[in-house]
Amino acid sequence: MTRPNPYFNPKPYIPASLSEINDQLGSMILHAPTFIDRTLVFPDRNIHSEFDTLVGGFDVVRKKLGEERYSLLIDLAARAKAFFAADQDDTNGKTDEGRVLLVEIEEVLRDARRSRVKAKLPDGDGDISGD
């Protein structure tokens, strides 16, 4: 008899701020190309769940990003996912190309945060943090 995973969450975590998305990207860079949790604590984590989480975060902060940045991020994420999917064994160089795109996503988010600080736009807590 298989016991249900006590860590399974039918409503997965979705980053709710620019900084939380940045944290998600850091984790993704480390766990690429498969994104599988080798400890088996989170057995449902995989390439699809990680990119769903990332894109879900983009959806949450879409207004903060603006349509141009949002579209760019969606495109970069789709391209990165395709690179990782094409190199599941990390043997043909596509994983490195995918990581480059994740870093590019970080740069787009950094630019969005700088723009928010420069415009003195408050975050959810009312602080000028760029979030």
C-alpha atoms as a PDB file:
ATOM      1  CA  MET A   1       0.000   0.000   0.000  1.00  0.00           C
ATOM      2  CA  THR A   2       1.404   3.380  -1.030  1.00  0.00           C
ATOM      3  CA  ARG A   3       1.076   6.116   1.542  1.00  0.00           C
ATOM      4  CA  PRO A   4       0.111   9.566   0.304  1.00  0.00           C
ATOM      5  CA  ASN A   5       2.857  12.140   0.313  1.00  0.00           C
ATOM      6  CA  PRO A   6       2.299  14.399   3.348  1.00  0.00           C
ATOM      7  CA  TYR A   7       3.989  17.272   1.503  1.00  0.00           C
ATOM      8  CA  PHE A   8       1.699  17.146  -1.538  1.00  0.00           C
ATOM      9  CA  ASN A   9      -0.016  20.469  -2.006  1.00  0.00           C
ATOM     10  CA  PRO A  10      -2.933  20.533  -4.461  1.00  0.00           C
ATOM     11  CA  LYS A  11      -2.575  24.323  -4.542  1.00  0.00           C
ATOM     12  CA  PRO A  12       1.123  24.890  -5.246  1.00  0.00           C
ATOM     13  CA  TYR A  13       3.049  27.927  -4.111  1.00  0.00           C
ATOM     14  CA  ILE A  14       3.101  30.739  -6.660  1.00  0.00           C
ATOM     15  CA  PRO A  15       5.566  33.612  -6.137  1.00  0.00           C
ATOM     16  CA  ALA A  16       3.667  36.776  -5.292  1.00  0.00           C
ATOM     17  CA  SER A  17       6.378  39.416  -5.752  1.00  0.00           C
ATOM     18  CA  LEU A  18       9.328  40.216  -7.966  1.00  0.00           C
ATOM     19  CA  SER A  19      11.759  39.155  -5.239  1.00  0.00           C
ATOM     20  CA  GLU A  20       9.955  35.843  -4.710  1.00  0.00           C
ATOM     21  CA  ILE A  21      10.199  35.140  -8.443  1.00  0.00           C
ATOM     22  CA  ASN A  22      13.909  35.890  -8.219  1.00  0.00           C
ATOM     23  CA  ASP A  23      14.198  33.330  -5.402  1.00  0.00           C
ATOM     24  CA  GLN A  24      12.354  30.803  -7.573  1.00  0.00           C
ATOM     25  CA  LEU A  25      14.840  31.401 -10.380  1.00  0.00           C
ATOM     26  CA  GLY A  26      17.780  30.752  -8.054  1.00  0.00           C
ATOM     27  CA  SER A  27      16.320  27.396  -7.132  1.00  0.00           C
ATOM     28  CA  MET A  28      15.653  26.581 -10.770  1.00  0.00           C
ATOM     29  CA  ILE A  29      19.221  27.388 -11.805  1.00  0.00           C
ATOM     30  CA  LEU A  30      20.487  24.955  -9.178  1.00  0.00           C
ATOM     31  CA  HIS A  31      18.065  22.130 -10.008  1.00  0.00           C
ATOM     32  CA  ALA A  32      18.191  22.304 -13.812  1.00  0.00           C
ATOM     33  CA  PRO A  33      17.672  20.487 -16.120  1.00  0.00           C
ATOM     34  CA  THR A  34      15.163  18.037 -14.583  1.00  0.00           C
ATOM     35  CA  PHE A  35      14.129  20.010 -11.477  1.00  0.00           C
ATOM     36  CA  ILE A  36      13.424  16.679  -9.773  1.00  0.00           C
ATOM     37  CA  ASP A  37      13.906  16.611  -6.006  1.00  0.00           C
ATOM     38  CA  ARG A  38      16.419  13.823  -5.509  1.00  0.00           C
ATOM     39  CA  THR A  39      15.604  13.683  -1.766  1.00  0.00           C
ATOM     40  CA  LEU A  40      12.044  12.681  -2.720  1.00  0.00           C
ATOM     41  CA  VAL A  41      10.629  15.098  -0.157  1.00  0.00           C
ATOM     42  CA  PHE A  42       8.831  16.826  -3.030  1.00  0.00           C
ATOM     43  CA  PRO A  43       8.243  13.980  -5.494  1.00  0.00           C
ATOM     44  CA  ASP A  44       5.807  16.003  -7.599  1.00  0.00           C
ATOM     45  CA  ARG A  45       8.425  18.621  -8.486  1.00  0.00           C
ATOM     46  CA  ASN A  46       9.530  18.442 -12.115  1.00  0.00           C
ATOM     47  CA  ILE A  47      10.226  20.635 -15.112  1.00  0.00           C
ATOM     48  CA  HIS A  48       6.508  21.241 -15.695  1.00  0.00           C
ATOM     49  CA  SER A  49       5.646  22.146 -12.104  1.00  0.00           C
ATOM     50  CA  GLU A  50       8.640  24.494 -11.792  1.00  0.00           C
ATOM     51  CA  PHE A  51       7.850  26.386 -14.983  1.00  0.00           C
ATOM     52  CA  ASP A  52       4.140  26.521 -14.066  1.00  0.00           C
ATOM     53  CA  THR A  53       5.208  28.132 -10.779  1.00  0.00           C
ATOM     54  CA  LEU A  54       7.480  30.606 -12.562  1.00  0.00           C
ATOM     55  CA  VAL A  55       4.893  31.636 -15.148  1.00  0.00           C
ATOM     56  CA  GLY A  56       2.219  31.800 -12.436  1.00  0.00           C
ATOM     57  CA  GLY A  57       4.435  34.304 -10.639  1.00  0.00           C
ATOM     58  CA  PHE A  58       4.705  36.372 -13.814  1.00  0.00           C
ATOM     59  CA  ASP A  59       0.903  36.410 -13.975  1.00  0.00           C
ATOM     60  CA  VAL A  60       0.663  37.652 -10.365  1.00  0.00           C
ATOM     61  CA  VAL A  61       3.046  40.582 -10.943  1.00  0.00           C
ATOM     62  CA  ARG A  62       1.990  41.332 -14.522  1.00  0.00           C
ATOM     63  CA  LYS A  63       0.870  44.891 -13.749  1.00  0.00           C
ATOM     64  CA  LYS A  64       4.189  45.633 -12.040  1.00  0.00           C
ATOM     65  CA  LEU A  65       6.089  44.313 -15.046  1.00  0.00           C
ATOM     66  CA  GLY A  66       4.112  45.946 -17.822  1.00  0.00           C
ATOM     67  CA  GLU A  67       2.994  44.119 -20.949  1.00  0.00           C
ATOM     68  CA  GLU A  68       6.303  44.381 -22.810  1.00  0.00           C
ATOM     69  CA  ARG A  69       8.349  42.851 -19.989  1.00  0.00           C
ATOM     70  CA  TYR A  70       5.643  40.293 -19.247  1.00  0.00           C
ATOM     71  CA  SER A  71       5.631  39.087 -22.875  1.00  0.00           C
ATOM     72  CA  LEU A  72       9.424  38.941 -22.914  1.00  0.00           C
ATOM     73  CA  LEU A  73       9.492  36.890 -19.697  1.00  0.00           C
ATOM     74  CA  ILE A  74       6.881  34.439 -20.990  1.00  0.00           C
ATOM     75  CA  ASP A  75       8.959  33.965 -24.147  1.00  0.00           C
ATOM     76  CA  LEU A  76      12.226  33.517 -22.219  1.00  0.00           C
ATOM     77  CA  ALA A  77      10.610  30.971 -19.883  1.00  0.00           C
ATOM     78  CA  ALA A  78       9.211  28.941 -22.796  1.00  0.00           C
ATOM     79  CA  ARG A  79      12.582  28.921 -24.530  1.00  0.00           C
ATOM     80  CA  ALA A  80      14.419  27.966 -21.325  1.00  0.00           C
ATOM     81  CA  LYS A  81      11.998  25.112 -20.664  1.00  0.00           C
ATOM     82  CA  ALA A  82      12.541  23.819 -24.206  1.00  0.00           C
ATOM     83  CA  PHE A  83      16.327  23.839 -23.709  1.00  0.00           C
ATOM     84  CA  PHE A  84      16.048  21.926 -20.432  1.00  0.00           C
ATOM     85  CA  ALA A  85      13.621  19.429 -21.946  1.00  0.00           C
ATOM     86  CA  ALA A  86      16.106  18.830 -24.774  1.00  0.00           C
ATOM     87  CA  ASP A  87      18.934  18.025 -22.327  1.00  0.00           C
ATOM     88  CA  GLN A  88      17.465  15.937 -19.501  1.00  0.00           C
ATOM     89  CA  ASP A  89      20.839  14.241 -18.917  1.00  0.00           C
ATOM     90  CA  ASP A  90      22.811  17.518 -19.008  1.00  0.00           C
ATOM     91  CA  THR A  91      25.064  16.200 -21.736  1.00  0.00           C
ATOM     92  CA  ASN A  92      24.526  18.278 -24.873  1.00  0.00           C
ATOM     93  CA  GLY A  93      24.936  21.881 -23.675  1.00  0.00           C
ATOM     94  CA  LYS A  94      21.259  22.837 -23.852  1.00  0.00           C
ATOM     95  CA  THR A  95      21.094  22.999 -20.035  1.00  0.00           C
ATOM     96  CA  ASP A  96      23.719  25.740 -20.061  1.00  0.00           C
ATOM     97  CA  GLU A  97      21.730  27.636 -22.695  1.00  0.00           C
ATOM     98  CA  GLY A  98      18.607  27.302 -20.550  1.00  0.00           C
ATOM     99  CA  ARG A  99      20.457  28.623 -17.497  1.00  0.00           C
ATOM    100  CA  VAL A 100      21.605  31.624 -19.536  1.00  0.00           C
ATOM    101  CA  LEU A 101      17.946  32.385 -20.247  1.00  0.00           C
ATOM    102  CA  LEU A 102      17.051  32.082 -16.540  1.00  0.00           C
ATOM    103  CA  VAL A 103      19.784  34.618 -15.787  1.00  0.00           C
ATOM    104  CA  GLU A 104      18.345  36.847 -18.513  1.00  0.00           C
ATOM    105  CA  ILE A 105      14.962  36.586 -16.756  1.00  0.00           C
ATOM    106  CA  GLU A 106      16.689  37.709 -13.553  1.00  0.00           C
ATOM    107  CA  GLU A 107      18.064  40.725 -15.413  1.00  0.00           C
ATOM    108  CA  VAL A 108      14.614  41.674 -16.726  1.00  0.00           C
ATOM    109  CA  LEU A 109      13.234  41.437 -13.181  1.00  0.00           C
ATOM    110  CA  ARG A 110      16.151  43.499 -11.843  1.00  0.00           C
ATOM    111  CA  ASP A 111      15.374  46.171 -14.444  1.00  0.00           C
ATOM    112  CA  ALA A 112      11.697  46.158 -13.437  1.00  0.00           C
ATOM    113  CA  ARG A 113      12.636  46.527  -9.763  1.00  0.00           C
ATOM    114  CA  ARG A 114      15.028  49.414 -10.526  1.00  0.00           C
ATOM    115  CA  SER A 115      12.303  51.154 -12.525  1.00  0.00           C
ATOM    116  CA  ARG A 116       9.850  50.780  -9.643  1.00  0.00           C
ATOM    117  CA  VAL A 117      12.346  52.253  -7.162  1.00  0.00           C
ATOM    118  CA  LYS A 118      13.199  55.126  -9.504  1.00  0.00           C
ATOM    119  CA  ALA A 119       9.472  55.880  -9.906  1.00  0.00           C
ATOM    120  CA  LYS A 120       9.047  55.549  -6.107  1.00  0.00           C
ATOM    121  CA  LEU A 121       6.277  52.987  -6.515  1.00  0.00           C
ATOM    122  CA  PRO A 122       5.393  51.287  -3.234  1.00  0.00           C
ATOM    123  CA  ASP A 123       5.303  47.521  -2.820  1.00  0.00           C
ATOM    124  CA  GLY A 124       2.441  45.676  -1.117  1.00  0.00           C
ATOM    125  CA  ASP A 125       3.660  46.840   2.301  1.00  0.00           C
ATOM    126  CA  GLY A 126       3.861  50.468   1.230  1.00  0.00           C
ATOM    127  CA  ASP A 127       7.676  50.446   1.119  1.00  0.00           C
ATOM    128  CA  ILE A 128       9.777  51.590  -1.829  1.00  0.00           C
ATOM    129  CA  SER A 129      11.603  48.298  -2.295  1.00  0.00           C
ATOM    130  CA  GLY A 130      11.187  47.656  -5.990  1.00  0.00           C
ATOM    131  CA  ASP A 131       8.847  44.771  -5.304  1.00  0.00           C
END
